[in-house]
Amino acid sequence: MSQIALYAGWYADTVCGPFQLPKVEFMPGAFAYHLHSFSADTLRSASQRWCGPLLARGATCTMGCVYEPYLSLTPNVAMFLERFTIGQFTFGEAAWASQPALSWQTTVVGDPLYRPFAKPPMQLHQELTERHSPLVEWSFLRLVNMDLARGRSAAYLENLIETTGVATNSAVLTEKLADLYAMEGKPSPAIDAYERALTLNPSPEQRIRLRLTLAEKLKARDFTAAARRDYQKLLEESPDYPGKAAIEEKINALGQKPPRTNAPAR
């Protein structure tokens, strides 16, 4: 999981999966919530339950239950996220709105006045652009994703990214461009863009995702030798990758297939 701004999950009783890694790529200001009946029965442990570990690994704010709330009385996380993001509520207001019952088992941890989505997306994007903020790539990605949700075609957004040149030095936007190519059924440009994103200093977790995606795209085109090399690069770059055994199985399976003679098209 790379560059996490919002996380919501359930139902393990204590921190697990990617959140057990020494470094979790929470973005500054991230909200993280894991639904469990005792997720906040301690806030002072970095390894027990959920609220403490999420905060210890870089989340800015969270919610959790100190004792059995019963499922129907846990926070309505969909309502929280709608109020917090689209509704432009403060963290405290959104958390309050998400409670089915007050003075029950839920505790809320964070600045109640925190309001990261206060400005309309386009206004925020313009301000970040004028300040030459490094966060502008994320603002642009947000606008692209909003347009997709509203029904804009992938082809239109491909053209927007290509003609504005915003992806030139951005691994984040180049990966998005690759995803759009893939949505449009353009495997060769997608492969090219995924490979280009790998040269643009992606974060460690983004690099893993890029490698995994690229290998699958190469396999789909029957470029087995190239896919095998990509999986090998993943293990070289991320020797502690928890799915190492599964990747080694994929490498071995690819090694048993006759390689396609021609190289991937560019």
C-alpha atoms as a PDB file:
ATOM      1  CA  MET A   1       0.000   0.000   0.000  1.00  0.00           C
ATOM      2  CA  SER A   2       1.600   3.225  -1.115  1.00  0.00           C
ATOM      3  CA  GLN A   3       1.067   6.869  -0.171  1.00  0.00           C
ATOM      4  CA  ILE A   4      -2.068   6.284   1.931  1.00  0.00           C
ATOM      5  CA  ALA A   5      -4.304   9.302   2.571  1.00  0.00           C
ATOM      6  CA  LEU A   6      -7.486   7.485   3.657  1.00  0.00           C
ATOM      7  CA  TYR A   7      -7.728   3.939   5.002  1.00  0.00           C
ATOM      8  CA  ALA A   8     -10.794   2.035   6.228  1.00  0.00           C
ATOM      9  CA  GLY A   9     -10.782  -1.694   6.879  1.00  0.00           C
ATOM     10  CA  TRP A  10     -11.959  -4.537   9.088  1.00  0.00           C
ATOM     11  CA  TYR A  11     -11.958  -7.064  11.021  1.00  0.00           C
ATOM     12  CA  ALA A  12      -8.702  -8.439  12.442  1.00  0.00           C
ATOM     13  CA  ASP A  13      -8.393  -7.990  16.202  1.00  0.00           C
ATOM     14  CA  THR A  14      -4.904  -6.502  16.116  1.00  0.00           C
ATOM     15  CA  VAL A  15      -2.692  -4.761  13.597  1.00  0.00           C
ATOM     16  CA  CYS A  16      -1.665  -7.008  10.698  1.00  0.00           C
ATOM     17  CA  GLY A  17      -0.751  -7.128   7.012  1.00  0.00           C
ATOM     18  CA  PRO A  18       1.121  -4.121   5.581  1.00  0.00           C
ATOM     19  CA  PHE A  19       0.593  -2.198   8.819  1.00  0.00           C
ATOM     20  CA  GLN A  20       3.044  -4.510  10.566  1.00  0.00           C
ATOM     21  CA  LEU A  21       5.898  -3.314   8.374  1.00  0.00           C
ATOM     22  CA  PRO A  22       8.466  -0.987   9.991  1.00  0.00           C
ATOM     23  CA  LYS A  23       7.493   1.812   7.595  1.00  0.00           C
ATOM     24  CA  VAL A  24       3.983   2.492   6.338  1.00  0.00           C
ATOM     25  CA  GLU A  25       3.542   5.103   3.639  1.00  0.00           C
ATOM     26  CA  PHE A  26       0.922   7.281   5.288  1.00  0.00           C
ATOM     27  CA  MET A  27       0.718  10.701   3.669  1.00  0.00           C
ATOM     28  CA  PRO A  28       0.886  13.756   5.951  1.00  0.00           C
ATOM     29  CA  GLY A  29      -2.583  14.290   7.397  1.00  0.00           C
ATOM     30  CA  ALA A  30      -3.809  10.733   6.728  1.00  0.00           C
ATOM     31  CA  PHE A  31      -6.973   9.366   8.326  1.00  0.00           C
ATOM     32  CA  ALA A  32      -6.983   5.632   9.151  1.00  0.00           C
ATOM     33  CA  TYR A  33      -9.746   3.522  10.693  1.00  0.00           C
ATOM     34  CA  HIS A  34     -10.058  -0.201  11.308  1.00  0.00           C
ATOM     35  CA  LEU A  35     -13.403  -1.512  12.488  1.00  0.00           C
ATOM     36  CA  HIS A  36     -13.029  -3.836  15.459  1.00  0.00           C
ATOM     37  CA  SER A  37     -14.850  -3.993  18.788  1.00  0.00           C
ATOM     38  CA  PHE A  38     -11.670  -3.328  20.796  1.00  0.00           C
ATOM     39  CA  SER A  39      -9.609  -1.319  18.301  1.00  0.00           C
ATOM     40  CA  ALA A  40      -8.951   1.425  20.877  1.00  0.00           C
ATOM     41  CA  ASP A  41      -8.852  -0.455  24.162  1.00  0.00           C
ATOM     42  CA  THR A  42      -5.268   0.825  24.326  1.00  0.00           C
ATOM     43  CA  LEU A  43      -3.773   3.841  22.573  1.00  0.00           C
ATOM     44  CA  ARG A  44      -0.304   3.457  24.033  1.00  0.00           C
ATOM     45  CA  SER A  45       0.870   0.373  22.171  1.00  0.00           C
ATOM     46  CA  ALA A  46       2.444   0.398  18.712  1.00  0.00           C
ATOM     47  CA  SER A  47       1.739  -3.319  18.239  1.00  0.00           C
ATOM     48  CA  GLN A  48      -1.601  -4.100  19.930  1.00  0.00           C
ATOM     49  CA  ARG A  49      -5.086  -3.469  18.542  1.00  0.00           C
ATOM     50  CA  TRP A  50      -5.392  -0.740  15.866  1.00  0.00           C
ATOM     51  CA  CYS A  51      -5.571   2.882  16.929  1.00  0.00           C
ATOM     52  CA  GLY A  52      -2.173   2.979  18.620  1.00  0.00           C
ATOM     53  CA  PRO A  53      -0.324   1.176  15.800  1.00  0.00           C
ATOM     54  CA  LEU A  54      -1.961   3.308  13.084  1.00  0.00           C
ATOM     55  CA  LEU A  55      -0.961   6.500  14.867  1.00  0.00           C
ATOM     56  CA  ALA A  56       2.526   5.165  15.579  1.00  0.00           C
ATOM     57  CA  ARG A  57       3.030   4.440  11.873  1.00  0.00           C
ATOM     58  CA  GLY A  58       2.086   7.925  10.755  1.00  0.00           C
ATOM     59  CA  ALA A  59      -1.689   8.355  10.623  1.00  0.00           C
ATOM     60  CA  THR A  60      -2.786  11.809  11.791  1.00  0.00           C
ATOM     61  CA  CYS A  61      -6.249  10.919  13.081  1.00  0.00           C
ATOM     62  CA  THR A  62      -8.367   7.857  13.786  1.00  0.00           C
ATOM     63  CA  MET A  63     -11.410   6.483  15.604  1.00  0.00           C
ATOM     64  CA  GLY A  64     -11.878   3.282  17.561  1.00  0.00           C
ATOM     65  CA  CYS A  65     -13.876   1.398  20.168  1.00  0.00           C
ATOM     66  CA  VAL A  66     -12.727   0.976  23.762  1.00  0.00           C
ATOM     67  CA  TYR A  67     -15.113  -1.914  24.456  1.00  0.00           C
ATOM     68  CA  GLU A  68     -17.776  -4.009  22.686  1.00  0.00           C
ATOM     69  CA  PRO A  69     -20.074  -1.526  20.892  1.00  0.00           C
ATOM     70  CA  TYR A  70     -22.091  -4.078  18.885  1.00  0.00           C
ATOM     71  CA  LEU A  71     -21.806  -3.686  15.136  1.00  0.00           C
ATOM     72  CA  SER A  72     -24.847  -1.463  14.700  1.00  0.00           C
ATOM     73  CA  LEU A  73     -23.367   1.102  17.086  1.00  0.00           C
ATOM     74  CA  THR A  74     -19.921   1.384  15.489  1.00  0.00           C
ATOM     75  CA  PRO A  75     -19.208   4.562  13.492  1.00  0.00           C
ATOM     76  CA  ASN A  76     -20.789   4.746  10.053  1.00  0.00           C
ATOM     77  CA  VAL A  77     -17.509   5.053   8.191  1.00  0.00           C
ATOM     78  CA  ALA A  78     -19.173   5.715   4.822  1.00  0.00           C
ATOM     79  CA  MET A  79     -20.976   8.683   6.335  1.00  0.00           C
ATOM     80  CA  PHE A  80     -17.753   9.865   7.975  1.00  0.00           C
ATOM     81  CA  LEU A  81     -15.824   9.776   4.687  1.00  0.00           C
ATOM     82  CA  GLU A  82     -18.619  11.522   2.770  1.00  0.00           C
ATOM     83  CA  ARG A  83     -18.827  14.320   5.342  1.00  0.00           C
ATOM     84  CA  PHE A  84     -15.052  14.603   5.739  1.00  0.00           C
ATOM     85  CA  THR A  85     -14.241  14.753   2.018  1.00  0.00           C
ATOM     86  CA  ILE A  86     -17.189  15.843  -0.145  1.00  0.00           C
ATOM     87  CA  GLY A  87     -19.064  17.554   2.689  1.00  0.00           C
ATOM     88  CA  GLN A  88     -15.961  19.532   3.729  1.00  0.00           C
ATOM     89  CA  PHE A  89     -16.670  18.946   7.449  1.00  0.00           C
ATOM     90  CA  THR A  90     -13.950  19.236  10.057  1.00  0.00           C
ATOM     91  CA  PHE A  91     -12.633  15.973  11.464  1.00  0.00           C
ATOM     92  CA  GLY A  92     -14.604  16.490  14.666  1.00  0.00           C
ATOM     93  CA  GLU A  93     -17.836  17.287  12.820  1.00  0.00           C
ATOM     94  CA  ALA A  94     -17.506  14.288  10.500  1.00  0.00           C
ATOM     95  CA  ALA A  95     -16.702  11.971  13.397  1.00  0.00           C
ATOM     96  CA  TRP A  96     -19.707  13.286  15.352  1.00  0.00           C
ATOM     97  CA  ALA A  97     -22.001  12.834  12.347  1.00  0.00           C
ATOM     98  CA  SER A  98     -20.881   9.212  11.919  1.00  0.00           C
ATOM     99  CA  GLN A  99     -21.893   8.103  15.436  1.00  0.00           C
ATOM    100  CA  PRO A 100     -25.155   6.090  15.648  1.00  0.00           C
ATOM    101  CA  ALA A 101     -25.183   6.758  19.412  1.00  0.00           C
ATOM    102  CA  LEU A 102     -23.367   9.224  21.624  1.00  0.00           C
ATOM    103  CA  SER A 103     -21.523   8.596  24.900  1.00  0.00           C
ATOM    104  CA  TRP A 104     -21.146   4.938  23.966  1.00  0.00           C
ATOM    105  CA  GLN A 105     -17.911   3.023  23.213  1.00  0.00           C
ATOM    106  CA  THR A 106     -16.224   5.072  20.454  1.00  0.00           C
ATOM    107  CA  THR A 107     -13.272   7.375  20.999  1.00  0.00           C
ATOM    108  CA  VAL A 108     -12.011   9.885  18.435  1.00  0.00           C
ATOM    109  CA  VAL A 109      -8.318  10.782  18.265  1.00  0.00           C
ATOM    110  CA  GLY A 110      -7.128  13.864  16.394  1.00  0.00           C
ATOM    111  CA  ASP A 111      -7.555  17.616  16.036  1.00  0.00           C
ATOM    112  CA  PRO A 112     -11.326  18.215  15.852  1.00  0.00           C
ATOM    113  CA  LEU A 113     -10.760  21.341  13.719  1.00  0.00           C
ATOM    114  CA  TYR A 114      -8.663  19.515  11.109  1.00  0.00           C
ATOM    115  CA  ARG A 115     -10.306  20.207   7.723  1.00  0.00           C
ATOM    116  CA  PRO A 116      -8.140  19.095   4.767  1.00  0.00           C
ATOM    117  CA  PHE A 117     -10.957  19.228   2.191  1.00  0.00           C
ATOM    118  CA  ALA A 118     -12.216  22.712   3.020  1.00  0.00           C
ATOM    119  CA  LYS A 119     -11.458  24.234  -0.398  1.00  0.00           C
ATOM    120  CA  PRO A 120     -13.067  23.183  -3.692  1.00  0.00           C
ATOM    121  CA  PRO A 121     -10.728  20.831  -5.595  1.00  0.00           C
ATOM    122  CA  MET A 122     -10.077  23.210  -8.504  1.00  0.00           C
ATOM    123  CA  GLN A 123      -9.346  26.163  -6.211  1.00  0.00           C
ATOM    124  CA  LEU A 124      -6.920  24.064  -4.190  1.00  0.00           C
ATOM    125  CA  HIS A 125      -5.251  22.820  -7.373  1.00  0.00           C
ATOM    126  CA  GLN A 126      -4.752  26.359  -8.654  1.00  0.00           C
ATOM    127  CA  GLU A 127      -3.239  27.478  -5.347  1.00  0.00           C
ATOM    128  CA  LEU A 128      -0.866  24.509  -5.237  1.00  0.00           C
ATOM    129  CA  THR A 129       0.152  25.172  -8.850  1.00  0.00           C
ATOM    130  CA  GLU A 130       0.880  28.843  -8.124  1.00  0.00           C
ATOM    131  CA  ARG A 131       3.006  27.841  -5.119  1.00  0.00           C
ATOM    132  CA  HIS A 132       4.841  25.177  -7.155  1.00  0.00           C
ATOM    133  CA  SER A 133       3.924  22.727  -4.409  1.00  0.00           C
ATOM    134  CA  PRO A 134       5.143  19.134  -4.769  1.00  0.00           C
ATOM    135  CA  LEU A 135       1.597  18.111  -3.815  1.00  0.00           C
ATOM    136  CA  VAL A 136       0.244  19.416  -7.126  1.00  0.00           C
ATOM    137  CA  GLU A 137       0.589  15.952  -8.696  1.00  0.00           C
ATOM    138  CA  TRP A 138      -1.843  14.588  -6.111  1.00  0.00           C
ATOM    139  CA  SER A 139      -4.237  17.455  -6.697  1.00  0.00           C
ATOM    140  CA  PHE A 140      -4.174  16.770 -10.434  1.00  0.00           C
ATOM    141  CA  LEU A 141      -4.721  13.054  -9.808  1.00  0.00           C
ATOM    142  CA  ARG A 142      -7.724  13.916  -7.641  1.00  0.00           C
ATOM    143  CA  LEU A 143      -9.228  15.994 -10.459  1.00  0.00           C
ATOM    144  CA  VAL A 144      -8.673  13.167 -12.952  1.00  0.00           C
ATOM    145  CA  ASN A 145     -10.303  10.615 -10.644  1.00  0.00           C
ATOM    146  CA  MET A 146     -13.258  12.926 -10.042  1.00  0.00           C
ATOM    147  CA  ASP A 147     -13.716  13.339 -13.801  1.00  0.00           C
ATOM    148  CA  LEU A 148     -13.636   9.561 -14.229  1.00  0.00           C
ATOM    149  CA  ALA A 149     -16.291   9.173 -11.539  1.00  0.00           C
ATOM    150  CA  ARG A 150     -18.436  11.735 -13.362  1.00  0.00           C
ATOM    151  CA  GLY A 151     -18.252   9.791 -16.597  1.00  0.00           C
ATOM    152  CA  ARG A 152     -15.395  11.481 -18.473  1.00  0.00           C
ATOM    153  CA  SER A 153     -13.828   9.042 -20.919  1.00  0.00           C
ATOM    154  CA  ALA A 154     -10.393   7.574 -20.334  1.00  0.00           C
ATOM    155  CA  ALA A 155      -9.412   8.826 -23.793  1.00  0.00           C
ATOM    156  CA  TYR A 156     -10.254  12.430 -22.855  1.00  0.00           C
ATOM    157  CA  LEU A 157      -8.203  12.214 -19.664  1.00  0.00           C
ATOM    158  CA  GLU A 158      -5.278  10.559 -21.451  1.00  0.00           C
ATOM    159  CA  ASN A 159      -5.201  13.505 -23.825  1.00  0.00           C
ATOM    160  CA  LEU A 160      -5.442  15.965 -20.930  1.00  0.00           C
ATOM    161  CA  ILE A 161      -2.434  14.438 -19.153  1.00  0.00           C
ATOM    162  CA  GLU A 162      -0.424  14.126 -22.369  1.00  0.00           C
ATOM    163  CA  THR A 163      -1.041  17.658 -23.649  1.00  0.00           C
ATOM    164  CA  THR A 164      -0.478  19.452 -20.342  1.00  0.00           C
ATOM    165  CA  GLY A 165       2.770  17.587 -19.704  1.00  0.00           C
ATOM    166  CA  VAL A 166       1.961  17.164 -16.005  1.00  0.00           C
ATOM    167  CA  ALA A 167       3.212  13.573 -15.945  1.00  0.00           C
ATOM    168  CA  THR A 168       6.689  14.373 -17.276  1.00  0.00           C
ATOM    169  CA  ASN A 169       8.442  14.064 -13.909  1.00  0.00           C
ATOM    170  CA  SER A 170       5.703  12.428 -11.854  1.00  0.00           C
ATOM    171  CA  ALA A 171       5.644   8.706 -11.120  1.00  0.00           C
ATOM    172  CA  VAL A 172       2.142   9.165  -9.685  1.00  0.00           C
ATOM    173  CA  LEU A 173       0.651  10.714 -12.828  1.00  0.00           C
ATOM    174  CA  THR A 174       2.616   8.530 -15.217  1.00  0.00           C
ATOM    175  CA  GLU A 175       1.185   5.467 -13.466  1.00  0.00           C
ATOM    176  CA  LYS A 176      -2.289   6.978 -13.817  1.00  0.00           C
ATOM    177  CA  LEU A 177      -1.668   7.556 -17.509  1.00  0.00           C
ATOM    178  CA  ALA A 178      -0.641   3.896 -17.829  1.00  0.00           C
ATOM    179  CA  ASP A 179      -3.854   2.833 -16.057  1.00  0.00           C
ATOM    180  CA  LEU A 180      -5.891   4.936 -18.495  1.00  0.00           C
ATOM    181  CA  TYR A 181      -4.126   3.349 -21.470  1.00  0.00           C
ATOM    182  CA  ALA A 182      -4.930  -0.071 -20.030  1.00  0.00           C
ATOM    183  CA  MET A 183      -8.594   0.921 -19.580  1.00  0.00           C
ATOM    184  CA  GLU A 184      -8.676   1.931 -23.230  1.00  0.00           C
ATOM    185  CA  GLY A 185      -7.244  -1.404 -24.382  1.00  0.00           C
ATOM    186  CA  LYS A 186      -3.860   0.029 -25.378  1.00  0.00           C
ATOM    187  CA  PRO A 187      -1.401  -2.531 -23.975  1.00  0.00           C
ATOM    188  CA  SER A 188       1.784  -1.252 -25.626  1.00  0.00           C
ATOM    189  CA  PRO A 189       1.447   2.395 -24.477  1.00  0.00           C
ATOM    190  CA  ALA A 190       0.432   1.102 -21.021  1.00  0.00           C
ATOM    191  CA  ILE A 191       3.547  -1.056 -20.713  1.00  0.00           C
ATOM    192  CA  ASP A 192       5.695   1.844 -21.873  1.00  0.00           C
ATOM    193  CA  ALA A 193       4.146   4.207 -19.310  1.00  0.00           C
ATOM    194  CA  TYR A 194       4.502   1.729 -16.417  1.00  0.00           C
ATOM    195  CA  GLU A 195       8.176   1.305 -17.319  1.00  0.00           C
ATOM    196  CA  ARG A 196       8.630   5.080 -17.519  1.00  0.00           C
ATOM    197  CA  ALA A 197       6.999   5.539 -14.091  1.00  0.00           C
ATOM    198  CA  LEU A 198       9.638   3.200 -12.635  1.00  0.00           C
ATOM    199  CA  THR A 199      12.332   5.681 -13.722  1.00  0.00           C
ATOM    200  CA  LEU A 200      10.677   8.649 -11.982  1.00  0.00           C
ATOM    201  CA  ASN A 201      11.626   7.902  -8.383  1.00  0.00           C
ATOM    202  CA  PRO A 202       8.424   6.211  -7.164  1.00  0.00           C
ATOM    203  CA  SER A 203       8.061   5.498  -3.464  1.00  0.00           C
ATOM    204  CA  PRO A 204       9.177   2.011  -2.348  1.00  0.00           C
ATOM    205  CA  GLU A 205       5.596   0.710  -2.098  1.00  0.00           C
ATOM    206  CA  GLN A 206       4.566   2.334  -5.371  1.00  0.00           C
ATOM    207  CA  ARG A 207       7.560   0.703  -7.032  1.00  0.00           C
ATOM    208  CA  ILE A 208       6.334  -2.710  -5.871  1.00  0.00           C
ATOM    209  CA  ARG A 209       2.864  -2.057  -7.283  1.00  0.00           C
ATOM    210  CA  LEU A 210       4.335  -0.864 -10.577  1.00  0.00           C
ATOM    211  CA  ARG A 211       6.484  -3.994 -10.852  1.00  0.00           C
ATOM    212  CA  LEU A 212       3.534  -6.283 -10.123  1.00  0.00           C
ATOM    213  CA  THR A 213       1.264  -4.495 -12.585  1.00  0.00           C
ATOM    214  CA  LEU A 214       3.921  -4.360 -15.291  1.00  0.00           C
ATOM    215  CA  ALA A 215       4.664  -8.067 -14.957  1.00  0.00           C
ATOM    216  CA  GLU A 216       0.991  -8.927 -15.362  1.00  0.00           C
ATOM    217  CA  LYS A 217       0.706  -6.722 -18.460  1.00  0.00           C
ATOM    218  CA  LEU A 218       3.799  -8.373 -19.948  1.00  0.00           C
ATOM    219  CA  LYS A 219       2.434 -11.847 -19.197  1.00  0.00           C
ATOM    220  CA  ALA A 220      -0.876 -10.938 -20.832  1.00  0.00           C
ATOM    221  CA  ARG A 221       1.011 -10.169 -24.050  1.00  0.00           C
ATOM    222  CA  ASP A 222       3.025 -13.367 -23.711  1.00  0.00           C
ATOM    223  CA  PHE A 223       6.325 -11.549 -23.107  1.00  0.00           C
ATOM    224  CA  THR A 224       7.358 -14.179 -20.589  1.00  0.00           C
ATOM    225  CA  ALA A 225      11.079 -13.383 -20.487  1.00  0.00           C
ATOM    226  CA  ALA A 226      10.402  -9.695 -19.839  1.00  0.00           C
ATOM    227  CA  ALA A 227       7.823 -10.536 -17.159  1.00  0.00           C
ATOM    228  CA  ARG A 228      10.285 -12.887 -15.491  1.00  0.00           C
ATOM    229  CA  ARG A 229      12.956 -10.178 -15.441  1.00  0.00           C
ATOM    230  CA  ASP A 230      10.476  -7.733 -13.936  1.00  0.00           C
ATOM    231  CA  TYR A 231       9.580 -10.108 -11.096  1.00  0.00           C
ATOM    232  CA  GLN A 232      13.298 -10.684 -10.463  1.00  0.00           C
ATOM    233  CA  LYS A 233      13.870  -6.918 -10.294  1.00  0.00           C
ATOM    234  CA  LEU A 234      11.058  -6.676  -7.737  1.00  0.00           C
ATOM    235  CA  LEU A 235      12.825  -9.142  -5.451  1.00  0.00           C
ATOM    236  CA  GLU A 236      16.181  -7.389  -5.961  1.00  0.00           C
ATOM    237  CA  GLU A 237      14.710  -3.985  -5.119  1.00  0.00           C
ATOM    238  CA  SER A 238      12.511  -5.215  -2.252  1.00  0.00           C
ATOM    239  CA  PRO A 239      14.271  -8.187  -0.620  1.00  0.00           C
ATOM    240  CA  ASP A 240      11.898  -8.056   2.377  1.00  0.00           C
ATOM    241  CA  TYR A 241       8.754  -8.216   0.238  1.00  0.00           C
ATOM    242  CA  PRO A 242       6.289 -10.393   2.235  1.00  0.00           C
ATOM    243  CA  GLY A 243       4.983 -12.113  -0.888  1.00  0.00           C
ATOM    244  CA  LYS A 244       8.441 -13.321  -1.924  1.00  0.00           C
ATOM    245  CA  ALA A 245       7.473 -17.008  -2.087  1.00  0.00           C
ATOM    246  CA  ALA A 246       4.555 -16.305  -4.426  1.00  0.00           C
ATOM    247  CA  ILE A 247       6.775 -14.203  -6.704  1.00  0.00           C
ATOM    248  CA  GLU A 248       9.380 -16.958  -6.831  1.00  0.00           C
ATOM    249  CA  GLU A 249       6.643 -19.396  -7.913  1.00  0.00           C
ATOM    250  CA  LYS A 250       5.665 -17.005 -10.708  1.00  0.00           C
ATOM    251  CA  ILE A 251       9.304 -16.715 -11.805  1.00  0.00           C
ATOM    252  CA  ASN A 252       9.677 -20.496 -11.895  1.00  0.00           C
ATOM    253  CA  ALA A 253       6.435 -20.906 -13.846  1.00  0.00           C
ATOM    254  CA  LEU A 254       7.515 -18.306 -16.393  1.00  0.00           C
ATOM    255  CA  GLY A 255      10.869 -19.996 -16.747  1.00  0.00           C
ATOM    256  CA  GLN A 256       9.104 -23.121 -17.985  1.00  0.00           C
ATOM    257  CA  LYS A 257       7.332 -21.308 -20.838  1.00  0.00           C
ATOM    258  CA  PRO A 258       9.046 -20.720 -24.181  1.00  0.00           C
ATOM    259  CA  PRO A 259       9.802 -16.981 -24.448  1.00  0.00           C
ATOM    260  CA  ARG A 260       8.252 -14.896 -27.179  1.00  0.00           C
ATOM    261  CA  THR A 261      10.990 -13.901 -29.564  1.00  0.00           C
ATOM    262  CA  ASN A 262      10.037 -10.301 -30.265  1.00  0.00           C
ATOM    263  CA  ALA A 263      10.432  -7.556 -27.641  1.00  0.00           C
ATOM    264  CA  PRO A 264       7.472  -5.587 -26.289  1.00  0.00           C
ATOM    265  CA  ALA A 265       6.292  -2.936 -28.715  1.00  0.00           C
ATOM    266  CA  ARG A 266       7.022   0.627 -27.797  1.00  0.00           C
END
